[in-house]
Amino acid sequence: MAMTEKLMWKVYAGALGAVTTIVAQKVVTQVWVASTGDTPPDPNDPDTPLTQALIWAVASGLGVGIAQLAMNRFVQRRWIRNFNHASPGKLRNKLDI
């Protein structure tokens, strides 16, 4: 039973984490386009101004990190509500150091 729960947890949390990351990146990109009128810069391109590259990196990282944090809290609450005990694993997000 414990192994089945661990597997269910990994699949459930992994799938939701992947979807959340993809959606968050799309949202951050659309917010960038709406606010600047340009596509997001490539931070690794030497022709991109450093300030633009840094702003994009910070905005992208914060957007994805906050979305993952919200998803992790949602998944944990839902697991506890459905199984009446804490999840068998710990989730991490981009904001963890």
PDB file of N, CA and C in Angstrom:
ATOM      1  N   MET A   1       0.814  -1.193   0.000  1.00  0.00           N
ATOM      2  CA  MET A   1       0.000   0.000   0.000  1.00  0.00           C
ATOM      3  C   MET A   1       0.862   1.264   0.000  1.00  0.00           C
ATOM      4  N   ALA A   2       1.923   1.267   0.817  1.00  0.00           N
ATOM      5  CA  ALA A   2       2.779   2.452   0.917  1.00  0.00           C
ATOM      6  C   ALA A   2       3.486   2.723  -0.408  1.00  0.00           C
ATOM      7  N   MET A   3       3.914   1.660  -1.097  1.00  0.00           N
ATOM      8  CA  MET A   3       4.585   1.846  -2.377  1.00  0.00           C
ATOM      9  C   MET A   3       3.615   2.381  -3.426  1.00  0.00           C
ATOM     10  N   THR A   4       2.385   1.925  -3.394  1.00  0.00           N
ATOM     11  CA  THR A   4       1.376   2.410  -4.329  1.00  0.00           C
ATOM     12  C   THR A   4       1.105   3.894  -4.095  1.00  0.00           C
ATOM     13  N   GLU A   5       1.000   4.299  -2.844  1.00  0.00           N
ATOM     14  CA  GLU A   5       0.785   5.708  -2.529  1.00  0.00           C
ATOM     15  C   GLU A   5       1.958   6.561  -2.978  1.00  0.00           C
ATOM     16  N   LYS A   6       3.169   6.079  -2.775  1.00  0.00           N
ATOM     17  CA  LYS A   6       4.349   6.829  -3.208  1.00  0.00           C
ATOM     18  C   LYS A   6       4.356   7.010  -4.718  1.00  0.00           C
ATOM     19  N   LEU A   7       4.010   5.971  -5.446  1.00  0.00           N
ATOM     20  CA  LEU A   7       3.962   6.053  -6.897  1.00  0.00           C
ATOM     21  C   LEU A   7       2.855   7.011  -7.346  1.00  0.00           C
ATOM     22  N   MET A   8       1.669   6.880  -6.727  1.00  0.00           N
ATOM     23  CA  MET A   8       0.567   7.789  -7.049  1.00  0.00           C
ATOM     24  C   MET A   8       0.970   9.235  -6.790  1.00  0.00           C
ATOM     25  N   TRP A   9       1.656   9.468  -5.680  1.00  0.00           N
ATOM     26  CA  TRP A   9       2.082  10.808  -5.322  1.00  0.00           C
ATOM     27  C   TRP A   9       3.055  11.357  -6.364  1.00  0.00           C
ATOM     28  N   LYS A  10       4.020  10.563  -6.762  1.00  0.00           N
ATOM     29  CA  LYS A  10       5.009  11.023  -7.729  1.00  0.00           C
ATOM     30  C   LYS A  10       4.371  11.339  -9.080  1.00  0.00           C
ATOM     31  N   VAL A  11       3.450  10.503  -9.516  1.00  0.00           N
ATOM     32  CA  VAL A  11       2.782  10.743 -10.796  1.00  0.00           C
ATOM     33  C   VAL A  11       1.896  11.985 -10.701  1.00  0.00           C
ATOM     34  N   TYR A  12       1.096  12.068  -9.654  1.00  0.00           N
ATOM     35  CA  TYR A  12       0.163  13.178  -9.461  1.00  0.00           C
ATOM     36  C   TYR A  12       0.914  14.508  -9.346  1.00  0.00           C
ATOM     37  N   ALA A  13       1.868  14.568  -8.452  1.00  0.00           N
ATOM     38  CA  ALA A  13       2.611  15.806  -8.229  1.00  0.00           C
ATOM     39  C   ALA A  13       3.478  16.152  -9.442  1.00  0.00           C
ATOM     40  N   GLY A  14       4.061  15.156 -10.065  1.00  0.00           N
ATOM     41  CA  GLY A  14       4.906  15.400 -11.230  1.00  0.00           C
ATOM     42  C   GLY A  14       4.122  15.937 -12.410  1.00  0.00           C
ATOM     43  N   ALA A  15       2.967  15.347 -12.670  1.00  0.00           N
ATOM     44  CA  ALA A  15       2.137  15.796 -13.794  1.00  0.00           C
ATOM     45  C   ALA A  15       1.637  17.216 -13.562  1.00  0.00           C
ATOM     46  N   LEU A  16       1.123  17.485 -12.369  1.00  0.00           N
ATOM     47  CA  LEU A  16       0.638  18.836 -12.074  1.00  0.00           C
ATOM     48  C   LEU A  16       1.774  19.853 -12.056  1.00  0.00           C
ATOM     49  N   GLY A  17       2.935  19.439 -11.579  1.00  0.00           N
ATOM     50  CA  GLY A  17       4.089  20.342 -11.577  1.00  0.00           C
ATOM     51  C   GLY A  17       4.532  20.712 -12.981  1.00  0.00           C
ATOM     52  N   ALA A  18       4.546  19.734 -13.878  1.00  0.00           N
ATOM     53  CA  ALA A  18       4.939  20.004 -15.262  1.00  0.00           C
ATOM     54  C   ALA A  18       3.944  20.928 -15.947  1.00  0.00           C
ATOM     55  N   VAL A  19       2.665  20.644 -15.777  1.00  0.00           N
ATOM     56  CA  VAL A  19       1.628  21.478 -16.393  1.00  0.00           C
ATOM     57  C   VAL A  19       1.687  22.896 -15.829  1.00  0.00           C
ATOM     58  N   THR A  20       1.853  23.011 -14.524  1.00  0.00           N
ATOM     59  CA  THR A  20       1.927  24.330 -13.881  1.00  0.00           C
ATOM     60  C   THR A  20       3.106  25.134 -14.414  1.00  0.00           C
ATOM     61  N   THR A  21       4.253  24.508 -14.566  1.00  0.00           N
ATOM     62  CA  THR A  21       5.438  25.198 -15.062  1.00  0.00           C
ATOM     63  C   THR A  21       5.231  25.687 -16.489  1.00  0.00           C
ATOM     64  N   ILE A  22       4.660  24.841 -17.337  1.00  0.00           N
ATOM     65  CA  ILE A  22       4.420  25.224 -18.733  1.00  0.00           C
ATOM     66  C   ILE A  22       3.428  26.381 -18.806  1.00  0.00           C
ATOM     67  N   VAL A  23       2.333  26.279 -18.071  1.00  0.00           N
ATOM     68  CA  VAL A  23       1.318  27.336 -18.086  1.00  0.00           C
ATOM     69  C   VAL A  23       1.896  28.635 -17.519  1.00  0.00           C
ATOM     70  N   ALA A  24       2.649  28.555 -16.439  1.00  0.00           N
ATOM     71  CA  ALA A  24       3.227  29.761 -15.835  1.00  0.00           C
ATOM     72  C   ALA A  24       4.188  30.441 -16.809  1.00  0.00           C
ATOM     73  N   GLN A  25       4.995  29.667 -17.508  1.00  0.00           N
ATOM     74  CA  GLN A  25       5.928  30.252 -18.470  1.00  0.00           C
ATOM     75  C   GLN A  25       5.179  30.942 -19.608  1.00  0.00           C
ATOM     76  N   LYS A  26       4.095  30.324 -20.064  1.00  0.00           N
ATOM     77  CA  LYS A  26       3.272  30.941 -21.123  1.00  0.00           C
ATOM     78  C   LYS A  26       2.649  32.251 -20.633  1.00  0.00           C
ATOM     79  N   VAL A  27       2.153  32.249 -19.392  1.00  0.00           N
ATOM     80  CA  VAL A  27       1.536  33.453 -18.831  1.00  0.00           C
ATOM     81  C   VAL A  27       2.573  34.565 -18.693  1.00  0.00           C
ATOM     82  N   VAL A  28       3.741  34.247 -18.162  1.00  0.00           N
ATOM     83  CA  VAL A  28       4.796  35.251 -18.006  1.00  0.00           C
ATOM     84  C   VAL A  28       5.194  35.808 -19.372  1.00  0.00           C
ATOM     85  N   THR A  29       5.283  34.951 -20.375  1.00  0.00           N
ATOM     86  CA  THR A  29       5.619  35.404 -21.726  1.00  0.00           C
ATOM     87  C   THR A  29       4.552  36.350 -22.264  1.00  0.00           C
ATOM     88  N   GLN A  30       3.280  35.990 -22.068  1.00  0.00           N
ATOM     89  CA  GLN A  30       2.195  36.847 -22.546  1.00  0.00           C
ATOM     90  C   GLN A  30       2.160  38.190 -21.805  1.00  0.00           C
ATOM     91  N   VAL A  31       2.440  38.183 -20.522  1.00  0.00           N
ATOM     92  CA  VAL A  31       2.498  39.436 -19.757  1.00  0.00           C
ATOM     93  C   VAL A  31       3.643  40.308 -20.278  1.00  0.00           C
ATOM     94  N   TRP A  32       4.775  39.690 -20.596  1.00  0.00           N
ATOM     95  CA  TRP A  32       5.914  40.430 -21.151  1.00  0.00           C
ATOM     96  C   TRP A  32       5.524  41.081 -22.477  1.00  0.00           C
ATOM     97  N   VAL A  33       4.899  40.286 -23.348  1.00  0.00           N
ATOM     98  CA  VAL A  33       4.491  40.798 -24.656  1.00  0.00           C
ATOM     99  C   VAL A  33       3.467  41.926 -24.496  1.00  0.00           C
ATOM    100  N   ALA A  34       2.510  41.764 -23.592  1.00  0.00           N
ATOM    101  CA  ALA A  34       1.477  42.786 -23.383  1.00  0.00           C
ATOM    102  C   ALA A  34       2.073  44.075 -22.814  1.00  0.00           C
ATOM    103  N   SER A  35       3.059  43.953 -21.945  1.00  0.00           N
ATOM    104  CA  SER A  35       3.606  45.144 -21.302  1.00  0.00           C
ATOM    105  C   SER A  35       4.685  45.838 -22.131  1.00  0.00           C
ATOM    106  N   THR A  36       5.438  45.089 -22.933  1.00  0.00           N
ATOM    107  CA  THR A  36       6.530  45.698 -23.702  1.00  0.00           C
ATOM    108  C   THR A  36       6.222  45.800 -25.191  1.00  0.00           C
ATOM    109  N   GLY A  37       5.334  44.939 -25.681  1.00  0.00           N
ATOM    110  CA  GLY A  37       5.050  44.917 -27.111  1.00  0.00           C
ATOM    111  C   GLY A  37       6.049  44.097 -27.912  1.00  0.00           C
ATOM    112  N   ASP A  38       7.056  43.537 -27.255  1.00  0.00           N
ATOM    113  CA  ASP A  38       8.081  42.713 -27.914  1.00  0.00           C
ATOM    114  C   ASP A  38       8.071  41.305 -27.354  1.00  0.00           C
ATOM    115  N   THR A  39       8.660  40.386 -28.094  1.00  0.00           N
ATOM    116  CA  THR A  39       8.826  39.031 -27.574  1.00  0.00           C
ATOM    117  C   THR A  39       9.896  39.062 -26.483  1.00  0.00           C
ATOM    118  N   PRO A  40       9.848  38.123 -25.560  1.00  0.00           N
ATOM    119  CA  PRO A  40      10.853  38.102 -24.493  1.00  0.00           C
ATOM    120  C   PRO A  40      12.258  37.949 -25.073  1.00  0.00           C
ATOM    121  N   PRO A  41      13.226  38.596 -24.458  1.00  0.00           N
ATOM    122  CA  PRO A  41      14.591  38.499 -24.957  1.00  0.00           C
ATOM    123  C   PRO A  41      15.219  37.148 -24.619  1.00  0.00           C
ATOM    124  N   ASP A  42      16.229  36.808 -25.382  1.00  0.00           N
ATOM    125  CA  ASP A  42      17.022  35.625 -25.063  1.00  0.00           C
ATOM    126  C   ASP A  42      18.143  36.095 -24.132  1.00  0.00           C
ATOM    127  N   PRO A  43      18.104  35.709 -22.858  1.00  0.00           N
ATOM    128  CA  PRO A  43      19.113  36.210 -21.921  1.00  0.00           C
ATOM    129  C   PRO A  43      20.535  35.775 -22.271  1.00  0.00           C
ATOM    130  N   ASN A  44      20.675  34.725 -23.065  1.00  0.00           N
ATOM    131  CA  ASN A  44      22.004  34.232 -23.427  1.00  0.00           C
ATOM    132  C   ASN A  44      22.567  34.892 -24.682  1.00  0.00           C
ATOM    133  N   ASP A  45      21.748  35.692 -25.358  1.00  0.00           N
ATOM    134  CA  ASP A  45      22.188  36.377 -26.570  1.00  0.00           C
ATOM    135  C   ASP A  45      23.047  37.576 -26.182  1.00  0.00           C
ATOM    136  N   PRO A  46      24.293  37.650 -26.674  1.00  0.00           N
ATOM    137  CA  PRO A  46      25.152  38.780 -26.301  1.00  0.00           C
ATOM    138  C   PRO A  46      24.653  40.123 -26.823  1.00  0.00           C
ATOM    139  N   ASP A  47      23.765  40.114 -27.820  1.00  0.00           N
ATOM    140  CA  ASP A  47      23.223  41.358 -28.340  1.00  0.00           C
ATOM    141  C   ASP A  47      22.060  41.897 -27.499  1.00  0.00           C
ATOM    142  N   THR A  48      21.525  41.078 -26.609  1.00  0.00           N
ATOM    143  CA  THR A  48      20.443  41.518 -25.729  1.00  0.00           C
ATOM    144  C   THR A  48      21.037  42.409 -24.643  1.00  0.00           C
ATOM    145  N   PRO A  49      20.455  43.591 -24.428  1.00  0.00           N
ATOM    146  CA  PRO A  49      20.965  44.450 -23.344  1.00  0.00           C
ATOM    147  C   PRO A  49      20.876  43.725 -21.993  1.00  0.00           C
ATOM    148  N   LEU A  50      21.882  43.938 -21.186  1.00  0.00           N
ATOM    149  CA  LEU A  50      21.962  43.249 -19.899  1.00  0.00           C
ATOM    150  C   LEU A  50      20.743  43.523 -19.027  1.00  0.00           C
ATOM    151  N   THR A  51      20.261  44.751 -18.995  1.00  0.00           N
ATOM    152  CA  THR A  51      19.108  45.066 -18.146  1.00  0.00           C
ATOM    153  C   THR A  51      17.872  44.282 -18.593  1.00  0.00           C
ATOM    154  N   GLN A  52      17.649  44.189 -19.903  1.00  0.00           N
ATOM    155  CA  GLN A  52      16.499  43.415 -20.397  1.00  0.00           C
ATOM    156  C   GLN A  52      16.645  41.944 -20.053  1.00  0.00           C
ATOM    157  N   ALA A  53      17.847  41.408 -20.220  1.00  0.00           N
ATOM    158  CA  ALA A  53      18.084  39.991 -19.911  1.00  0.00           C
ATOM    159  C   ALA A  53      17.845  39.727 -18.430  1.00  0.00           C
ATOM    160  N   LEU A  54      18.316  40.627 -17.569  1.00  0.00           N
ATOM    161  CA  LEU A  54      18.132  40.444 -16.131  1.00  0.00           C
ATOM    162  C   LEU A  54      16.668  40.563 -15.733  1.00  0.00           C
ATOM    163  N   ILE A  55      15.979  41.554 -16.285  1.00  0.00           N
ATOM    164  CA  ILE A  55      14.554  41.720 -15.959  1.00  0.00           C
ATOM    165  C   ILE A  55      13.764  40.496 -16.403  1.00  0.00           C
ATOM    166  N   TRP A  56      14.052  39.988 -17.600  1.00  0.00           N
ATOM    167  CA  TRP A  56      13.341  38.797 -18.087  1.00  0.00           C
ATOM    168  C   TRP A  56      13.644  37.588 -17.195  1.00  0.00           C
ATOM    169  N   ALA A  57      14.901  37.405 -16.828  1.00  0.00           N
ATOM    170  CA  ALA A  57      15.275  36.256 -15.993  1.00  0.00           C
ATOM    171  C   ALA A  57      14.573  36.318 -14.634  1.00  0.00           C
ATOM    172  N   VAL A  58      14.540  37.490 -14.023  1.00  0.00           N
ATOM    173  CA  VAL A  58      13.886  37.646 -12.717  1.00  0.00           C
ATOM    174  C   VAL A  58      12.377  37.437 -12.847  1.00  0.00           C
ATOM    175  N   ALA A  59      11.772  38.057 -13.849  1.00  0.00           N
ATOM    176  CA  ALA A  59      10.321  37.921 -14.038  1.00  0.00           C
ATOM    177  C   ALA A  59       9.931  36.476 -14.315  1.00  0.00           C
ATOM    178  N   SER A  60      10.689  35.826 -15.166  1.00  0.00           N
ATOM    179  CA  SER A  60      10.398  34.443 -15.514  1.00  0.00           C
ATOM    180  C   SER A  60      10.570  33.525 -14.306  1.00  0.00           C
ATOM    181  N   GLY A  61      11.665  33.706 -13.589  1.00  0.00           N
ATOM    182  CA  GLY A  61      11.919  32.876 -12.409  1.00  0.00           C
ATOM    183  C   GLY A  61      10.885  33.064 -11.321  1.00  0.00           C
ATOM    184  N   LEU A  62      10.526  34.310 -11.057  1.00  0.00           N
ATOM    185  CA  LEU A  62       9.511  34.580 -10.034  1.00  0.00           C
ATOM    186  C   LEU A  62       8.148  34.051 -10.443  1.00  0.00           C
ATOM    187  N   GLY A  63       7.793  34.253 -11.697  1.00  0.00           N
ATOM    188  CA  GLY A  63       6.491  33.772 -12.171  1.00  0.00           C
ATOM    189  C   GLY A  63       6.352  32.272 -12.034  1.00  0.00           C
ATOM    190  N   VAL A  64       7.355  31.541 -12.494  1.00  0.00           N
ATOM    191  CA  VAL A  64       7.312  30.083 -12.416  1.00  0.00           C
ATOM    192  C   VAL A  64       7.409  29.623 -10.965  1.00  0.00           C
ATOM    193  N   GLY A  65       8.269  30.250 -10.178  1.00  0.00           N
ATOM    194  CA  GLY A  65       8.429  29.862  -8.774  1.00  0.00           C
ATOM    195  C   GLY A  65       7.166  30.061  -7.956  1.00  0.00           C
ATOM    196  N   ILE A  66       6.503  31.193  -8.156  1.00  0.00           N
ATOM    197  CA  ILE A  66       5.266  31.466  -7.425  1.00  0.00           C
ATOM    198  C   ILE A  66       4.162  30.501  -7.849  1.00  0.00           C
ATOM    199  N   ALA A  67       4.079  30.211  -9.145  1.00  0.00           N
ATOM    200  CA  ALA A  67       3.074  29.246  -9.628  1.00  0.00           C
ATOM    201  C   ALA A  67       3.332  27.865  -9.043  1.00  0.00           C
ATOM    202  N   GLN A  68       4.592  27.456  -8.976  1.00  0.00           N
ATOM    203  CA  GLN A  68       4.911  26.154  -8.389  1.00  0.00           C
ATOM    204  C   GLN A  68       4.590  26.112  -6.905  1.00  0.00           C
ATOM    205  N   LEU A  69       4.866  27.186  -6.206  1.00  0.00           N
ATOM    206  CA  LEU A  69       4.546  27.250  -4.783  1.00  0.00           C
ATOM    207  C   LEU A  69       3.043  27.097  -4.569  1.00  0.00           C
ATOM    208  N   ALA A  70       2.247  27.821  -5.356  1.00  0.00           N
ATOM    209  CA  ALA A  70       0.794  27.720  -5.240  1.00  0.00           C
ATOM    210  C   ALA A  70       0.323  26.305  -5.577  1.00  0.00           C
ATOM    211  N   MET A  71       0.899  25.707  -6.617  1.00  0.00           N
ATOM    212  CA  MET A  71       0.525  24.342  -7.001  1.00  0.00           C
ATOM    213  C   MET A  71       0.897  23.352  -5.895  1.00  0.00           C
ATOM    214  N   ASN A  72       2.081  23.492  -5.325  1.00  0.00           N
ATOM    215  CA  ASN A  72       2.503  22.581  -4.258  1.00  0.00           C
ATOM    216  C   ASN A  72       1.543  22.630  -3.073  1.00  0.00           C
ATOM    217  N   ARG A  73       1.133  23.819  -2.694  1.00  0.00           N
ATOM    218  CA  ARG A  73       0.201  23.954  -1.570  1.00  0.00           C
ATOM    219  C   ARG A  73      -1.151  23.348  -1.919  1.00  0.00           C
ATOM    220  N   PHE A  74      -1.615  23.567  -3.149  1.00  0.00           N
ATOM    221  CA  PHE A  74      -2.880  22.995  -3.602  1.00  0.00           C
ATOM    222  C   PHE A  74      -2.821  21.463  -3.588  1.00  0.00           C
ATOM    223  N   VAL A  75      -1.750  20.898  -4.123  1.00  0.00           N
ATOM    224  CA  VAL A  75      -1.608  19.440  -4.199  1.00  0.00           C
ATOM    225  C   VAL A  75      -1.555  18.841  -2.795  1.00  0.00           C
ATOM    226  N   GLN A  76      -0.807  19.464  -1.893  1.00  0.00           N
ATOM    227  CA  GLN A  76      -0.717  18.954  -0.519  1.00  0.00           C
ATOM    228  C   GLN A  76      -2.084  18.958   0.160  1.00  0.00           C
ATOM    229  N   ARG A  77      -2.816  20.057   0.026  1.00  0.00           N
ATOM    230  CA  ARG A  77      -4.149  20.132   0.652  1.00  0.00           C
ATOM    231  C   ARG A  77      -5.090  19.094   0.064  1.00  0.00           C
ATOM    232  N   ARG A  78      -5.041  18.952  -1.239  1.00  0.00           N
ATOM    233  CA  ARG A  78      -5.926  17.993  -1.891  1.00  0.00           C
ATOM    234  C   ARG A  78      -5.590  16.562  -1.467  1.00  0.00           C
ATOM    235  N   TRP A  79      -4.297  16.241  -1.345  1.00  0.00           N
ATOM    236  CA  TRP A  79      -3.887  14.913  -0.906  1.00  0.00           C
ATOM    237  C   TRP A  79      -4.414  14.637   0.501  1.00  0.00           C
ATOM    238  N   ILE A  80      -4.245  15.595   1.399  1.00  0.00           N
ATOM    239  CA  ILE A  80      -4.699  15.421   2.785  1.00  0.00           C
ATOM    240  C   ILE A  80      -6.218  15.254   2.822  1.00  0.00           C
ATOM    241  N   ARG A  81      -6.932  16.037   2.033  1.00  0.00           N
ATOM    242  CA  ARG A  81      -8.394  15.937   1.995  1.00  0.00           C
ATOM    243  C   ARG A  81      -8.839  14.561   1.476  1.00  0.00           C
ATOM    244  N   ASN A  82      -8.148  14.010   0.499  1.00  0.00           N
ATOM    245  CA  ASN A  82      -8.554  12.733  -0.091  1.00  0.00           C
ATOM    246  C   ASN A  82      -8.090  11.513   0.706  1.00  0.00           C
ATOM    247  N   PHE A  83      -6.911  11.605   1.345  1.00  0.00           N
ATOM    248  CA  PHE A  83      -6.353  10.429   2.012  1.00  0.00           C
ATOM    249  C   PHE A  83      -6.260  10.570   3.526  1.00  0.00           C
ATOM    250  N   ASN A  84      -6.613  11.716   4.073  1.00  0.00           N
ATOM    251  CA  ASN A  84      -6.617  11.953   5.521  1.00  0.00           C
ATOM    252  C   ASN A  84      -5.263  11.792   6.186  1.00  0.00           C
ATOM    253  N   HIS A  85      -4.196  12.000   5.456  1.00  0.00           N
ATOM    254  CA  HIS A  85      -2.847  12.031   6.031  1.00  0.00           C
ATOM    255  C   HIS A  85      -1.922  12.777   5.081  1.00  0.00           C
ATOM    256  N   ALA A  86      -0.764  13.151   5.596  1.00  0.00           N
ATOM    257  CA  ALA A  86       0.197  13.911   4.791  1.00  0.00           C
ATOM    258  C   ALA A  86       0.688  13.077   3.619  1.00  0.00           C
ATOM    259  N   SER A  87       1.152  13.765   2.610  1.00  0.00           N
ATOM    260  CA  SER A  87       1.644  13.074   1.415  1.00  0.00           C
ATOM    261  C   SER A  87       2.914  12.282   1.745  1.00  0.00           C
ATOM    262  N   PRO A  88       3.201  11.244   0.953  1.00  0.00           N
ATOM    263  CA  PRO A  88       4.384  10.429   1.222  1.00  0.00           C
ATOM    264  C   PRO A  88       5.685  11.060   0.732  1.00  0.00           C
ATOM    265  N   GLY A  89       5.640  12.211   0.120  1.00  0.00           N
ATOM    266  CA  GLY A  89       6.855  12.847  -0.375  1.00  0.00           C
ATOM    267  C   GLY A  89       6.811  14.344  -0.183  1.00  0.00           C
ATOM    268  N   LYS A  90       7.962  14.970  -0.385  1.00  0.00           N
ATOM    269  CA  LYS A  90       8.083  16.413  -0.235  1.00  0.00           C
ATOM    270  C   LYS A  90       8.225  17.030  -1.618  1.00  0.00           C
ATOM    271  N   LEU A  91       7.543  18.147  -1.834  1.00  0.00           N
ATOM    272  CA  LEU A  91       7.650  18.849  -3.108  1.00  0.00           C
ATOM    273  C   LEU A  91       8.649  19.981  -2.994  1.00  0.00           C
ATOM    274  N   ARG A  92       9.305  20.296  -4.104  1.00  0.00           N
ATOM    275  CA  ARG A  92      10.234  21.434  -4.150  1.00  0.00           C
ATOM    276  C   ARG A  92       9.798  22.328  -5.287  1.00  0.00           C
ATOM    277  N   ASN A  93      10.226  23.569  -5.232  1.00  0.00           N
ATOM    278  CA  ASN A  93       9.954  24.483  -6.332  1.00  0.00           C
ATOM    279  C   ASN A  93      11.211  25.280  -6.636  1.00  0.00           C
ATOM    280  N   LYS A  94      11.131  26.097  -7.662  1.00  0.00           N
ATOM    281  CA  LYS A  94      12.304  26.864  -8.111  1.00  0.00           C
ATOM    282  C   LYS A  94      12.788  27.866  -7.078  1.00  0.00           C
ATOM    283  N   LEU A  95      11.933  28.244  -6.128  1.00  0.00           N
ATOM    284  CA  LEU A  95      12.317  29.208  -5.114  1.00  0.00           C
ATOM    285  C   LEU A  95      13.130  28.571  -3.987  1.00  0.00           C
ATOM    286  N   ASP A  96      13.153  27.222  -3.905  1.00  0.00           N
ATOM    287  CA  ASP A  96      13.954  26.552  -2.875  1.00  0.00           C
ATOM    288  C   ASP A  96      15.428  26.712  -3.187  1.00  0.00           C
ATOM    289  N   ILE A  97      16.201  26.935  -2.162  1.00  0.00           N
ATOM    290  CA  ILE A  97      17.644  27.081  -2.351  1.00  0.00           C
ATOM    291  C   ILE A  97      18.360  25.902  -1.736  1.00  0.00           C
TER     292      ILE A  97
END
